[in-house]
C-alpha cells in the first residue's frame, strides 16, 4: 500500500530515465570509424587493368602470319580483302589479349591471389570495382573477338575455325578462371606458346591465304617462345607472392634460378630460328638488332634482386617481341 507521500507524487512530474547510448552495429559491411575509404576506379585504372604493355604479344604473331600469307598470295584481286582480313585477325588477337587481362584481374582478385602481389593494384583486388563488373568487361572483349572471328569465318567459309575460336576463348578464361585454372598448375606457358605463338601466327596465315607454309610454323614457334619468356619474367617477379597464395606457376614449381635460366633460353632461342629466315630473305639479318633489347633483358633477369629490375626486363622483353615480329614480318613481305 502506498504511503501518503507516495500518493502525493504526480507521475507526470517524474523525469524519464536516461536511455543508454545506442551501440553501433557490428554487422559486416559497415565501414569502421576512421577506416580509409575504398579506392575508386579511374580511367587510368581501367587502362592499367587492360595491361596495354602486353599488346605486342598480340601484334607480333599477326604481323608474321600476315607477311607469310602476303608472300604466298598471288591473285591480285585478293589483295584488298587480304588486308581487311589481316585487320580482323589483328582485332581478334588484341581483343583476346585484353579479355585475358581483365579475366585474370577478376579471377586472381576473387581468389585473393592479387592480395599478395607486388606492383600496381588491380581493379578487383583493390575493391575499386565490383568483381562482376570486371568479369563483364572481360566477356565483352571476348565477344568482340568472337564477332571479328565470325566475320573472317563467314568470308572465308572455313567454318571449322569457329571451333578453334571457341577453344581459344575458353582457354583464355580458364587460364586463371574456373575451379581448377591450369595457370595455377604450371601450364600457363603451354597456353601462351600455343595461342599467342602457333595459333595466332599460323591461324592468320591460313585465314588470309588458305595455306600454311613452313615459314609460318617456324615464325609461330619463334614468337611463341618470346611470349613464354614474357610470362616467365612476370612470374619470377611474383614468385614469392604466388607461392604464398598457392598459385603454382612454372616458376614456383622449378625454383628461382632455373626459371631465370629458362627465361634466357626462351628469349634467345628465336634468334637461332632466325638463321633459317636469313637464308631465304635478304633483309632478315636486320632482325638481329632486336638483340639490343633481348641481351640486356637476359642480363638483368640473371642478376636482378628487386621487382623494379624485373619490370624493366619485362618491358625489354615485350619490346623484343614487337621488334622481332614487325622486323621479320617486314623482311618476309618486302
C-alpha atoms as a PDB file:
ATOM      1  CA  UNK A   1       0.000   0.000   0.000  1.00  0.00           C
ATOM      2  CA  UNK A   2       1.387   3.477  -0.964  1.00  0.00           C
ATOM      3  CA  UNK A   3       2.288   5.915   1.783  1.00  0.00           C
ATOM      4  CA  UNK A   4       0.663   9.420   1.853  1.00  0.00           C
ATOM      5  CA  UNK A   5       3.887  10.924   0.442  1.00  0.00           C
ATOM      6  CA  UNK A   6       3.915   8.443  -2.440  1.00  0.00           C
ATOM      7  CA  UNK A   7       0.252   9.228  -3.134  1.00  0.00           C
ATOM      8  CA  UNK A   8       1.022  12.981  -3.432  1.00  0.00           C
ATOM      9  CA  UNK A   9       3.717  12.454  -6.182  1.00  0.00           C
ATOM     10  CA  UNK A  10       2.417  13.155  -9.671  1.00  0.00           C
ATOM     11  CA  UNK A  11       3.862  10.508 -12.015  1.00  0.00           C
ATOM     12  CA  UNK A  12       3.894  13.072 -14.812  1.00  0.00           C
ATOM     13  CA  UNK A  13       6.497  15.123 -12.966  1.00  0.00           C
ATOM     14  CA  UNK A  14       8.945  12.258 -12.620  1.00  0.00           C
ATOM     15  CA  UNK A  15      11.717  12.628 -15.217  1.00  0.00           C
ATOM     16  CA  UNK A  16      12.054   9.742 -17.622  1.00  0.00           C
ATOM     17  CA  UNK A  17      15.173   7.633 -17.119  1.00  0.00           C
ATOM     18  CA  UNK A  18      18.006   8.416 -19.495  1.00  0.00           C
ATOM     19  CA  UNK A  19      18.410   5.952 -22.319  1.00  0.00           C
ATOM     20  CA  UNK A  20      21.771   4.319 -22.781  1.00  0.00           C
ATOM     21  CA  UNK A  21      23.531   5.449 -25.965  1.00  0.00           C
ATOM     22  CA  UNK A  22      22.777   3.156 -28.894  1.00  0.00           C
ATOM     23  CA  UNK A  23      25.586   0.803 -29.762  1.00  0.00           C
ATOM     24  CA  UNK A  24      26.907   0.869 -33.281  1.00  0.00           C
ATOM     25  CA  UNK A  25      26.067  -2.181 -35.256  1.00  0.00           C
ATOM     26  CA  UNK A  26      28.851  -4.688 -35.678  1.00  0.00           C
ATOM     27  CA  UNK A  27      27.240  -6.183 -38.752  1.00  0.00           C
ATOM     28  CA  UNK A  28      29.648  -6.926 -41.594  1.00  0.00           C
ATOM     29  CA  UNK A  29      29.629  -4.485 -44.458  1.00  0.00           C
ATOM     30  CA  UNK A  30      29.807  -1.355 -42.380  1.00  0.00           C
ATOM     31  CA  UNK A  31      32.904   0.826 -42.617  1.00  0.00           C
ATOM     32  CA  UNK A  32      34.625   1.109 -39.221  1.00  0.00           C
ATOM     33  CA  UNK A  33      35.192   4.660 -37.945  1.00  0.00           C
ATOM     34  CA  UNK A  34      38.389   6.159 -39.295  1.00  0.00           C
ATOM     35  CA  UNK A  35      38.879   3.474 -41.935  1.00  0.00           C
ATOM     36  CA  UNK A  36      40.446   4.597 -45.195  1.00  0.00           C
ATOM     37  CA  UNK A  37      37.860   4.945 -47.982  1.00  0.00           C
ATOM     38  CA  UNK A  38      37.874   2.362 -50.728  1.00  0.00           C
ATOM     39  CA  UNK A  39      39.651   3.467 -53.915  1.00  0.00           C
ATOM     40  CA  UNK A  40      37.539   4.405 -56.888  1.00  0.00           C
ATOM     41  CA  UNK A  41      38.267   3.251 -60.404  1.00  0.00           C
ATOM     42  CA  UNK A  42      39.684   5.868 -62.747  1.00  0.00           C
ATOM     43  CA  UNK A  43      40.289   5.798 -66.468  1.00  0.00           C
ATOM     44  CA  UNK A  44      43.934   5.190 -65.693  1.00  0.00           C
ATOM     45  CA  UNK A  45      42.962   2.241 -63.515  1.00  0.00           C
ATOM     46  CA  UNK A  46      40.941   0.654 -66.306  1.00  0.00           C
ATOM     47  CA  UNK A  47      43.765   1.217 -68.802  1.00  0.00           C
ATOM     48  CA  UNK A  48      46.210  -0.281 -66.331  1.00  0.00           C
ATOM     49  CA  UNK A  49      43.996  -3.347 -65.913  1.00  0.00           C
ATOM     50  CA  UNK A  50      43.943  -3.785 -69.703  1.00  0.00           C
ATOM     51  CA  UNK A  51      47.764  -4.073 -69.478  1.00  0.00           C
ATOM     52  CA  UNK A  52      48.493  -2.385 -72.769  1.00  0.00           C
ATOM     53  CA  UNK A  53      52.167  -3.276 -72.394  1.00  0.00           C
ATOM     54  CA  UNK A  54      51.238  -6.872 -73.274  1.00  0.00           C
ATOM     55  CA  UNK A  55      49.679  -5.951 -76.624  1.00  0.00           C
ATOM     56  CA  UNK A  56      52.923  -6.556 -78.580  1.00  0.00           C
ATOM     57  CA  UNK A  57      52.272 -10.245 -77.873  1.00  0.00           C
ATOM     58  CA  UNK A  58      49.097  -9.922 -79.969  1.00  0.00           C
ATOM     59  CA  UNK A  59      50.542  -7.671 -82.673  1.00  0.00           C
ATOM     60  CA  UNK A  60      53.746  -9.613 -83.410  1.00  0.00           C
ATOM     61  CA  UNK A  61      52.251 -13.012 -84.404  1.00  0.00           C
ATOM     62  CA  UNK A  62      49.617 -11.385 -86.611  1.00  0.00           C
ATOM     63  CA  UNK A  63      52.316  -9.351 -88.356  1.00  0.00           C
ATOM     64  CA  UNK A  64      54.303 -12.519 -89.004  1.00  0.00           C
ATOM     65  CA  UNK A  65      51.292 -14.509 -90.170  1.00  0.00           C
ATOM     66  CA  UNK A  66      50.201 -11.685 -92.456  1.00  0.00           C
ATOM     67  CA  UNK A  67      53.629 -11.325 -94.046  1.00  0.00           C
ATOM     68  CA  UNK A  68      53.858 -15.030 -94.844  1.00  0.00           C
ATOM     69  CA  UNK A  69      50.342 -15.003 -96.301  1.00  0.00           C
ATOM     70  CA  UNK A  70      51.176 -11.932 -98.375  1.00  0.00           C
ATOM     71  CA  UNK A  71      54.221 -13.722 -99.719  1.00  0.00           C
ATOM     72  CA  UNK A  72      52.084 -16.646-100.851  1.00  0.00           C
ATOM     73  CA  UNK A  73      49.088 -14.676-102.199  1.00  0.00           C
ATOM     74  CA  UNK A  74      49.422 -14.354-105.958  1.00  0.00           C
ATOM     75  CA  UNK A  75      45.917 -13.322-107.049  1.00  0.00           C
ATOM     76  CA  UNK A  76      45.832  -9.510-107.436  1.00  0.00           C
ATOM     77  CA  UNK A  77      42.095  -9.150-106.798  1.00  0.00           C
ATOM     78  CA  UNK A  78      42.524 -10.871-103.407  1.00  0.00           C
ATOM     79  CA  UNK A  79      44.930  -8.272-102.068  1.00  0.00           C
ATOM     80  CA  UNK A  80      42.267  -5.763-100.931  1.00  0.00           C
ATOM     81  CA  UNK A  81      40.330  -8.311 -98.892  1.00  0.00           C
ATOM     82  CA  UNK A  82      43.654  -9.747 -97.754  1.00  0.00           C
ATOM     83  CA  UNK A  83      44.413  -6.582 -95.781  1.00  0.00           C
ATOM     84  CA  UNK A  84      40.892  -6.330 -94.423  1.00  0.00           C
ATOM     85  CA  UNK A  85      41.140  -9.883 -93.146  1.00  0.00           C
ATOM     86  CA  UNK A  86      44.529  -9.039 -91.665  1.00  0.00           C
ATOM     87  CA  UNK A  87      42.931  -6.219 -89.679  1.00  0.00           C
ATOM     88  CA  UNK A  88      40.217  -8.583 -88.472  1.00  0.00           C
ATOM     89  CA  UNK A  89      42.864 -11.107 -87.388  1.00  0.00           C
ATOM     90  CA  UNK A  90      44.614  -8.316 -85.501  1.00  0.00           C
ATOM     91  CA  UNK A  91      41.315  -7.371 -83.856  1.00  0.00           C
ATOM     92  CA  UNK A  92      40.788 -10.969 -82.729  1.00  0.00           C
ATOM     93  CA  UNK A  93      44.264 -11.122 -81.197  1.00  0.00           C
ATOM     94  CA  UNK A  94      44.019  -7.728 -79.486  1.00  0.00           C
ATOM     95  CA  UNK A  95      40.540  -8.322 -78.070  1.00  0.00           C
ATOM     96  CA  UNK A  96      41.565 -11.747 -76.770  1.00  0.00           C
ATOM     97  CA  UNK A  97      44.664 -10.302 -75.129  1.00  0.00           C
ATOM     98  CA  UNK A  98      42.728  -7.559 -73.362  1.00  0.00           C
ATOM     99  CA  UNK A  99      39.986 -10.026 -72.433  1.00  0.00           C
ATOM    100  CA  UNK A 100      42.563 -12.353 -70.870  1.00  0.00           C
ATOM    101  CA  UNK A 101      43.986  -9.478 -68.855  1.00  0.00           C
ATOM    102  CA  UNK A 102      40.600  -8.470 -67.425  1.00  0.00           C
ATOM    103  CA  UNK A 103      39.681 -12.116 -66.782  1.00  0.00           C
ATOM    104  CA  UNK A 104      42.938 -12.554 -64.853  1.00  0.00           C
ATOM    105  CA  UNK A 105      42.217  -9.398 -62.867  1.00  0.00           C
ATOM    106  CA  UNK A 106      38.824 -10.819 -61.912  1.00  0.00           C
ATOM    107  CA  UNK A 107      39.898 -14.394 -61.176  1.00  0.00           C
ATOM    108  CA  UNK A 108      43.059 -13.586 -59.232  1.00  0.00           C
ATOM    109  CA  UNK A 109      41.170 -10.876 -57.364  1.00  0.00           C
ATOM    110  CA  UNK A 110      38.299 -13.060 -56.145  1.00  0.00           C
ATOM    111  CA  UNK A 111      40.727 -15.865 -55.236  1.00  0.00           C
ATOM    112  CA  UNK A 112      42.788 -13.466 -53.149  1.00  0.00           C
ATOM    113  CA  UNK A 113      45.928 -14.099 -55.187  1.00  0.00           C
ATOM    114  CA  UNK A 114      46.492 -10.423 -56.033  1.00  0.00           C
ATOM    115  CA  UNK A 115      46.298  -9.579 -52.340  1.00  0.00           C
ATOM    116  CA  UNK A 116      49.939 -10.609 -52.094  1.00  0.00           C
ATOM    117  CA  UNK A 117      51.230  -9.219 -55.387  1.00  0.00           C
ATOM    118  CA  UNK A 118      53.891  -6.551 -55.842  1.00  0.00           C
ATOM    119  CA  UNK A 119      53.124  -3.758 -58.297  1.00  0.00           C
ATOM    120  CA  UNK A 120      50.151  -1.628 -59.319  1.00  0.00           C
ATOM    121  CA  UNK A 121      46.879  -2.535 -57.604  1.00  0.00           C
ATOM    122  CA  UNK A 122      44.360  -4.496 -59.658  1.00  0.00           C
ATOM    123  CA  UNK A 123      40.749  -3.408 -60.054  1.00  0.00           C
ATOM    124  CA  UNK A 124      39.201  -6.411 -58.315  1.00  0.00           C
ATOM    125  CA  UNK A 125      41.737  -6.913 -55.537  1.00  0.00           C
ATOM    126  CA  UNK A 126      41.782  -3.217 -54.617  1.00  0.00           C
ATOM    127  CA  UNK A 127      37.993  -3.053 -54.306  1.00  0.00           C
ATOM    128  CA  UNK A 128      37.840  -0.177 -56.780  1.00  0.00           C
ATOM    129  CA  UNK A 129      35.371  -2.075 -58.992  1.00  0.00           C
ATOM    130  CA  UNK A 130      32.860  -4.818 -58.266  1.00  0.00           C
ATOM    131  CA  UNK A 131      34.232  -8.197 -59.371  1.00  0.00           C
ATOM    132  CA  UNK A 132      31.152  -8.863 -61.507  1.00  0.00           C
ATOM    133  CA  UNK A 133      31.783  -5.640 -63.444  1.00  0.00           C
ATOM    134  CA  UNK A 134      35.360  -6.666 -64.250  1.00  0.00           C
ATOM    135  CA  UNK A 135      34.138 -10.087 -65.385  1.00  0.00           C
ATOM    136  CA  UNK A 136      31.517  -8.499 -67.644  1.00  0.00           C
ATOM    137  CA  UNK A 137      34.176  -6.303 -69.245  1.00  0.00           C
ATOM    138  CA  UNK A 138      36.317  -9.387 -69.854  1.00  0.00           C
ATOM    139  CA  UNK A 139      33.440 -11.142 -71.611  1.00  0.00           C
ATOM    140  CA  UNK A 140      32.691  -8.036 -73.665  1.00  0.00           C
ATOM    141  CA  UNK A 141      36.204  -8.223 -75.108  1.00  0.00           C
ATOM    142  CA  UNK A 142      35.845 -11.962 -75.667  1.00  0.00           C
ATOM    143  CA  UNK A 143      32.590 -11.251 -77.512  1.00  0.00           C
ATOM    144  CA  UNK A 144      34.286  -8.620 -79.686  1.00  0.00           C
ATOM    145  CA  UNK A 145      36.988 -11.137 -80.553  1.00  0.00           C
ATOM    146  CA  UNK A 146      34.281 -13.666 -81.437  1.00  0.00           C
ATOM    147  CA  UNK A 147      32.467 -11.198 -83.717  1.00  0.00           C
ATOM    148  CA  UNK A 148      35.669 -10.358 -85.601  1.00  0.00           C
ATOM    149  CA  UNK A 149      36.415 -14.059 -85.913  1.00  0.00           C
ATOM    150  CA  UNK A 150      32.929 -14.844 -87.209  1.00  0.00           C
ATOM    151  CA  UNK A 151      33.324 -12.238 -89.942  1.00  0.00           C
ATOM    152  CA  UNK A 152      36.521 -13.962 -91.039  1.00  0.00           C
ATOM    153  CA  UNK A 153      34.789 -17.344 -90.992  1.00  0.00           C
ATOM    154  CA  UNK A 154      31.838 -16.018 -92.987  1.00  0.00           C
ATOM    155  CA  UNK A 155      34.028 -14.534 -95.711  1.00  0.00           C
ATOM    156  CA  UNK A 156      36.473 -17.459 -95.951  1.00  0.00           C
ATOM    157  CA  UNK A 157      33.854 -20.204 -95.373  1.00  0.00           C
ATOM    158  CA  UNK A 158      36.317 -22.108 -93.189  1.00  0.00           C
ATOM    159  CA  UNK A 159      33.537 -22.987 -90.769  1.00  0.00           C
ATOM    160  CA  UNK A 160      35.695 -25.272 -88.631  1.00  0.00           C
ATOM    161  CA  UNK A 161      37.591 -22.175 -87.487  1.00  0.00           C
ATOM    162  CA  UNK A 162      34.615 -21.480 -85.200  1.00  0.00           C
ATOM    163  CA  UNK A 163      35.754 -24.412 -83.063  1.00  0.00           C
ATOM    164  CA  UNK A 164      39.289 -23.023 -82.933  1.00  0.00           C
ATOM    165  CA  UNK A 165      37.978 -19.652 -81.807  1.00  0.00           C
ATOM    166  CA  UNK A 166      35.766 -21.210 -79.140  1.00  0.00           C
ATOM    167  CA  UNK A 167      38.713 -23.181 -77.762  1.00  0.00           C
ATOM    168  CA  UNK A 168      40.853 -20.034 -77.736  1.00  0.00           C
ATOM    169  CA  UNK A 169      38.249 -18.088 -75.738  1.00  0.00           C
ATOM    170  CA  UNK A 170      37.733 -20.969 -73.308  1.00  0.00           C
ATOM    171  CA  UNK A 171      41.494 -21.291 -72.836  1.00  0.00           C
ATOM    172  CA  UNK A 172      41.753 -17.549 -72.233  1.00  0.00           C
ATOM    173  CA  UNK A 173      39.163 -17.660 -69.446  1.00  0.00           C
ATOM    174  CA  UNK A 174      40.227 -20.894 -67.747  1.00  0.00           C
ATOM    175  CA  UNK A 175      43.854 -19.761 -67.603  1.00  0.00           C
ATOM    176  CA  UNK A 176      43.065 -18.338 -64.154  1.00  0.00           C
ATOM    177  CA  UNK A 177      39.271 -18.847 -64.058  1.00  0.00           C
ATOM    178  CA  UNK A 178      37.110 -21.783 -63.070  1.00  0.00           C
ATOM    179  CA  UNK A 179      37.555 -24.242 -60.199  1.00  0.00           C
ATOM    180  CA  UNK A 180      40.902 -25.578 -61.390  1.00  0.00           C
ATOM    181  CA  UNK A 181      42.638 -22.954 -63.537  1.00  0.00           C
ATOM    182  CA  UNK A 182      45.511 -24.503 -65.445  1.00  0.00           C
ATOM    183  CA  UNK A 183      47.610 -21.357 -64.927  1.00  0.00           C
ATOM    184  CA  UNK A 184      47.785 -22.388 -61.257  1.00  0.00           C
ATOM    185  CA  UNK A 185      49.331 -25.741 -62.173  1.00  0.00           C
ATOM    186  CA  UNK A 186      52.358 -24.683 -64.196  1.00  0.00           C
ATOM    187  CA  UNK A 187      50.654 -24.820 -67.597  1.00  0.00           C
ATOM    188  CA  UNK A 188      50.466 -21.115 -68.376  1.00  0.00           C
ATOM    189  CA  UNK A 189      53.444 -21.245 -70.716  1.00  0.00           C
ATOM    190  CA  UNK A 190      51.765 -24.023 -72.722  1.00  0.00           C
ATOM    191  CA  UNK A 191      48.729 -21.798 -73.322  1.00  0.00           C
ATOM    192  CA  UNK A 192      50.870 -18.803 -74.265  1.00  0.00           C
ATOM    193  CA  UNK A 193      53.026 -20.791 -76.684  1.00  0.00           C
ATOM    194  CA  UNK A 194      50.068 -22.424 -78.399  1.00  0.00           C
ATOM    195  CA  UNK A 195      47.691 -19.486 -78.692  1.00  0.00           C
ATOM    196  CA  UNK A 196      49.980 -16.439 -78.802  1.00  0.00           C
ATOM    197  CA  UNK A 197      52.525 -18.283 -80.873  1.00  0.00           C
ATOM    198  CA  UNK A 198      51.311 -21.044 -83.159  1.00  0.00           C
ATOM    199  CA  UNK A 199      47.563 -20.384 -83.340  1.00  0.00           C
ATOM    200  CA  UNK A 200      47.871 -16.619 -83.805  1.00  0.00           C
ATOM    201  CA  UNK A 201      50.605 -16.871 -86.455  1.00  0.00           C
ATOM    202  CA  UNK A 202      49.530 -19.966 -88.344  1.00  0.00           C
ATOM    203  CA  UNK A 203      45.850 -19.070 -87.998  1.00  0.00           C
ATOM    204  CA  UNK A 204      46.436 -15.654 -89.528  1.00  0.00           C
ATOM    205  CA  UNK A 205      48.355 -17.136 -92.447  1.00  0.00           C
ATOM    206  CA  UNK A 206      45.660 -19.710 -93.122  1.00  0.00           C
ATOM    207  CA  UNK A 207      42.791 -17.207 -92.852  1.00  0.00           C
ATOM    208  CA  UNK A 208      44.490 -14.957 -95.383  1.00  0.00           C
ATOM    209  CA  UNK A 209      45.912 -17.449 -97.869  1.00  0.00           C
ATOM    210  CA  UNK A 210      44.263 -20.818 -97.235  1.00  0.00           C
ATOM    211  CA  UNK A 211      47.713 -22.349 -96.823  1.00  0.00           C
ATOM    212  CA  UNK A 212      50.248 -22.875 -94.016  1.00  0.00           C
ATOM    213  CA  UNK A 213      53.809 -22.714 -95.367  1.00  0.00           C
ATOM    214  CA  UNK A 214      56.845 -23.778 -93.333  1.00  0.00           C
ATOM    215  CA  UNK A 215      57.765 -20.156 -92.722  1.00  0.00           C
ATOM    216  CA  UNK A 216      54.539 -19.653 -90.789  1.00  0.00           C
ATOM    217  CA  UNK A 217      55.183 -22.606 -88.473  1.00  0.00           C
ATOM    218  CA  UNK A 218      58.741 -21.501 -87.720  1.00  0.00           C
ATOM    219  CA  UNK A 219      57.687 -17.893 -87.174  1.00  0.00           C
ATOM    220  CA  UNK A 220      54.942 -19.094 -84.825  1.00  0.00           C
ATOM    221  CA  UNK A 221      57.416 -21.155 -82.804  1.00  0.00           C
ATOM    222  CA  UNK A 222      59.830 -18.219 -82.563  1.00  0.00           C
ATOM    223  CA  UNK A 223      57.320 -15.636 -81.410  1.00  0.00           C
ATOM    224  CA  UNK A 224      55.658 -18.184 -79.123  1.00  0.00           C
ATOM    225  CA  UNK A 225      58.959 -18.692 -77.289  1.00  0.00           C
ATOM    226  CA  UNK A 226      59.336 -14.952 -76.780  1.00  0.00           C
ATOM    227  CA  UNK A 227      55.757 -14.775 -75.451  1.00  0.00           C
ATOM    228  CA  UNK A 228      56.634 -17.537 -72.967  1.00  0.00           C
ATOM    229  CA  UNK A 229      59.657 -15.504 -71.882  1.00  0.00           C
ATOM    230  CA  UNK A 230      57.332 -12.592 -71.096  1.00  0.00           C
ATOM    231  CA  UNK A 231      55.226 -14.819 -68.844  1.00  0.00           C
ATOM    232  CA  UNK A 232      58.277 -16.308 -67.129  1.00  0.00           C
ATOM    233  CA  UNK A 233      59.861 -12.964 -66.224  1.00  0.00           C
ATOM    234  CA  UNK A 234      56.496 -11.750 -64.935  1.00  0.00           C
ATOM    235  CA  UNK A 235      56.169 -14.863 -62.770  1.00  0.00           C
ATOM    236  CA  UNK A 236      59.743 -14.533 -61.486  1.00  0.00           C
ATOM    237  CA  UNK A 237      58.778 -11.111 -60.162  1.00  0.00           C
ATOM    238  CA  UNK A 238      55.661 -12.530 -58.469  1.00  0.00           C
ATOM    239  CA  UNK A 239      57.189 -15.863 -57.417  1.00  0.00           C
ATOM    240  CA  UNK A 240      57.170 -15.321 -53.641  1.00  0.00           C
ATOM    241  CA  UNK A 241      53.658 -13.856 -53.656  1.00  0.00           C
ATOM    242  CA  UNK A 242      52.292 -16.600 -55.936  1.00  0.00           C
ATOM    243  CA  UNK A 243      53.784 -19.279 -53.701  1.00  0.00           C
ATOM    244  CA  UNK A 244      52.188 -17.670 -50.661  1.00  0.00           C
ATOM    245  CA  UNK A 245      48.823 -17.563 -52.446  1.00  0.00           C
ATOM    246  CA  UNK A 246      49.040 -21.180 -53.608  1.00  0.00           C
ATOM    247  CA  UNK A 247      49.442 -20.259 -57.285  1.00  0.00           C
ATOM    248  CA  UNK A 248      51.825 -22.905 -58.601  1.00  0.00           C
ATOM    249  CA  UNK A 249      53.233 -21.311 -61.719  1.00  0.00           C
ATOM    250  CA  UNK A 250      56.098 -22.954 -63.558  1.00  0.00           C
ATOM    251  CA  UNK A 251      58.458 -20.567 -61.772  1.00  0.00           C
ATOM    252  CA  UNK A 252      57.119 -21.635 -58.384  1.00  0.00           C
ATOM    253  CA  UNK A 253      57.474 -25.309 -59.338  1.00  0.00           C
ATOM    254  CA  UNK A 254      61.046 -25.251 -60.693  1.00  0.00           C
ATOM    255  CA  UNK A 255      62.540 -22.537 -58.495  1.00  0.00           C
ATOM    256  CA  UNK A 256      64.160 -19.160 -58.939  1.00  0.00           C
ATOM    257  CA  UNK A 257      67.500 -19.875 -60.659  1.00  0.00           C
ATOM    258  CA  UNK A 258      66.140 -22.488 -63.116  1.00  0.00           C
ATOM    259  CA  UNK A 259      63.398 -20.004 -64.045  1.00  0.00           C
ATOM    260  CA  UNK A 260      65.947 -17.294 -64.786  1.00  0.00           C
ATOM    261  CA  UNK A 261      67.951 -19.668 -66.970  1.00  0.00           C
ATOM    262  CA  UNK A 262      64.785 -20.848 -68.738  1.00  0.00           C
ATOM    263  CA  UNK A 263      63.892 -17.223 -69.414  1.00  0.00           C
ATOM    264  CA  UNK A 264      67.216 -16.632 -71.148  1.00  0.00           C
ATOM    265  CA  UNK A 265      66.812 -19.740 -73.295  1.00  0.00           C
ATOM    266  CA  UNK A 266      63.257 -18.835 -74.289  1.00  0.00           C
ATOM    267  CA  UNK A 267      64.181 -15.289 -75.252  1.00  0.00           C
ATOM    268  CA  UNK A 268      67.360 -16.085 -77.193  1.00  0.00           C
ATOM    269  CA  UNK A 269      66.316 -19.334 -78.940  1.00  0.00           C
ATOM    270  CA  UNK A 270      64.198 -17.487 -81.559  1.00  0.00           C
ATOM    271  CA  UNK A 271      67.365 -15.797 -82.819  1.00  0.00           C
ATOM    272  CA  UNK A 272      68.655 -19.274 -83.641  1.00  0.00           C
ATOM    273  CA  UNK A 273      65.487 -19.951 -85.629  1.00  0.00           C
ATOM    274  CA  UNK A 274      66.100 -16.626 -87.361  1.00  0.00           C
ATOM    275  CA  UNK A 275      69.073 -18.200 -89.181  1.00  0.00           C
ATOM    276  CA  UNK A 276      66.590 -20.106 -91.365  1.00  0.00           C
ATOM    277  CA  UNK A 277      64.938 -16.857 -92.438  1.00  0.00           C
ATOM    278  CA  UNK A 278      68.261 -15.182 -93.234  1.00  0.00           C
ATOM    279  CA  UNK A 279      68.866 -17.927 -95.799  1.00  0.00           C
ATOM    280  CA  UNK A 280      65.610 -17.094 -97.574  1.00  0.00           C
ATOM    281  CA  UNK A 281      65.128 -13.356 -97.134  1.00  0.00           C
ATOM    282  CA  UNK A 282      67.948 -10.899 -97.697  1.00  0.00           C
ATOM    283  CA  UNK A 283      66.835  -8.382 -95.069  1.00  0.00           C
ATOM    284  CA  UNK A 284      66.075 -10.881 -92.306  1.00  0.00           C
ATOM    285  CA  UNK A 285      69.515 -10.362 -90.751  1.00  0.00           C
ATOM    286  CA  UNK A 286      68.369  -6.896 -89.659  1.00  0.00           C
ATOM    287  CA  UNK A 287      66.091  -8.540 -87.099  1.00  0.00           C
ATOM    288  CA  UNK A 288      69.197  -9.367 -85.077  1.00  0.00           C
ATOM    289  CA  UNK A 289      69.133  -5.731 -83.979  1.00  0.00           C
ATOM    290  CA  UNK A 290      66.360  -6.845 -81.620  1.00  0.00           C
ATOM    291  CA  UNK A 291      69.162  -8.398 -79.565  1.00  0.00           C
ATOM    292  CA  UNK A 292      69.912  -4.868 -78.394  1.00  0.00           C
ATOM    293  CA  UNK A 293      66.807  -5.253 -76.227  1.00  0.00           C
ATOM    294  CA  UNK A 294      66.975  -9.009 -75.614  1.00  0.00           C
ATOM    295  CA  UNK A 295      70.551  -9.321 -74.350  1.00  0.00           C
ATOM    296  CA  UNK A 296      70.238  -6.600 -71.679  1.00  0.00           C
ATOM    297  CA  UNK A 297      66.930  -8.173 -70.599  1.00  0.00           C
ATOM    298  CA  UNK A 298      68.625 -11.536 -70.053  1.00  0.00           C
ATOM    299  CA  UNK A 299      71.446  -9.902 -68.117  1.00  0.00           C
ATOM    300  CA  UNK A 300      69.000  -8.060 -65.880  1.00  0.00           C
ATOM    301  CA  UNK A 301      66.950 -11.179 -65.140  1.00  0.00           C
ATOM    302  CA  UNK A 302      70.027 -13.258 -64.273  1.00  0.00           C
ATOM    303  CA  UNK A 303      71.237 -10.684 -61.763  1.00  0.00           C
ATOM    304  CA  UNK A 304      68.051  -8.897 -60.625  1.00  0.00           C
ATOM    305  CA  UNK A 305      67.403  -8.576 -56.912  1.00  0.00           C
ATOM    306  CA  UNK A 306      64.421  -6.221 -56.887  1.00  0.00           C
ATOM    307  CA  UNK A 307      60.971  -6.255 -58.551  1.00  0.00           C
ATOM    308  CA  UNK A 308      61.787  -2.946 -60.233  1.00  0.00           C
ATOM    309  CA  UNK A 309      64.655  -4.528 -62.159  1.00  0.00           C
ATOM    310  CA  UNK A 310      62.403  -7.331 -63.337  1.00  0.00           C
ATOM    311  CA  UNK A 311      59.793  -4.818 -64.507  1.00  0.00           C
ATOM    312  CA  UNK A 312      62.473  -3.207 -66.691  1.00  0.00           C
ATOM    313  CA  UNK A 313      63.329  -6.660 -68.061  1.00  0.00           C
ATOM    314  CA  UNK A 314      59.642  -7.307 -68.733  1.00  0.00           C
ATOM    315  CA  UNK A 315      59.391  -4.136 -70.803  1.00  0.00           C
ATOM    316  CA  UNK A 316      62.519  -5.023 -72.746  1.00  0.00           C
ATOM    317  CA  UNK A 317      61.070  -8.482 -73.417  1.00  0.00           C
ATOM    318  CA  UNK A 318      57.820  -7.139 -74.846  1.00  0.00           C
ATOM    319  CA  UNK A 319      59.888  -4.696 -76.909  1.00  0.00           C
ATOM    320  CA  UNK A 320      61.895  -7.657 -78.220  1.00  0.00           C
ATOM    321  CA  UNK A 321      58.648  -9.386 -79.228  1.00  0.00           C
ATOM    322  CA  UNK A 322      57.482  -6.310 -81.122  1.00  0.00           C
ATOM    323  CA  UNK A 323      60.820  -5.722 -82.867  1.00  0.00           C
ATOM    324  CA  UNK A 324      61.127  -9.397 -83.795  1.00  0.00           C
ATOM    325  CA  UNK A 325      57.566  -9.689 -85.101  1.00  0.00           C
ATOM    326  CA  UNK A 326      57.444  -6.456 -87.076  1.00  0.00           C
ATOM    327  CA  UNK A 327      61.035  -6.706 -88.275  1.00  0.00           C
ATOM    328  CA  UNK A 328      60.794 -10.263 -89.535  1.00  0.00           C
ATOM    329  CA  UNK A 329      57.361  -9.586 -90.971  1.00  0.00           C
ATOM    330  CA  UNK A 330      58.773  -6.689 -92.992  1.00  0.00           C
ATOM    331  CA  UNK A 331      61.731  -8.815 -94.160  1.00  0.00           C
ATOM    332  CA  UNK A 332      59.432 -11.609 -95.363  1.00  0.00           C
ATOM    333  CA  UNK A 333      56.909  -9.392 -97.135  1.00  0.00           C
ATOM    334  CA  UNK A 334      59.280  -6.905 -98.716  1.00  0.00           C
END
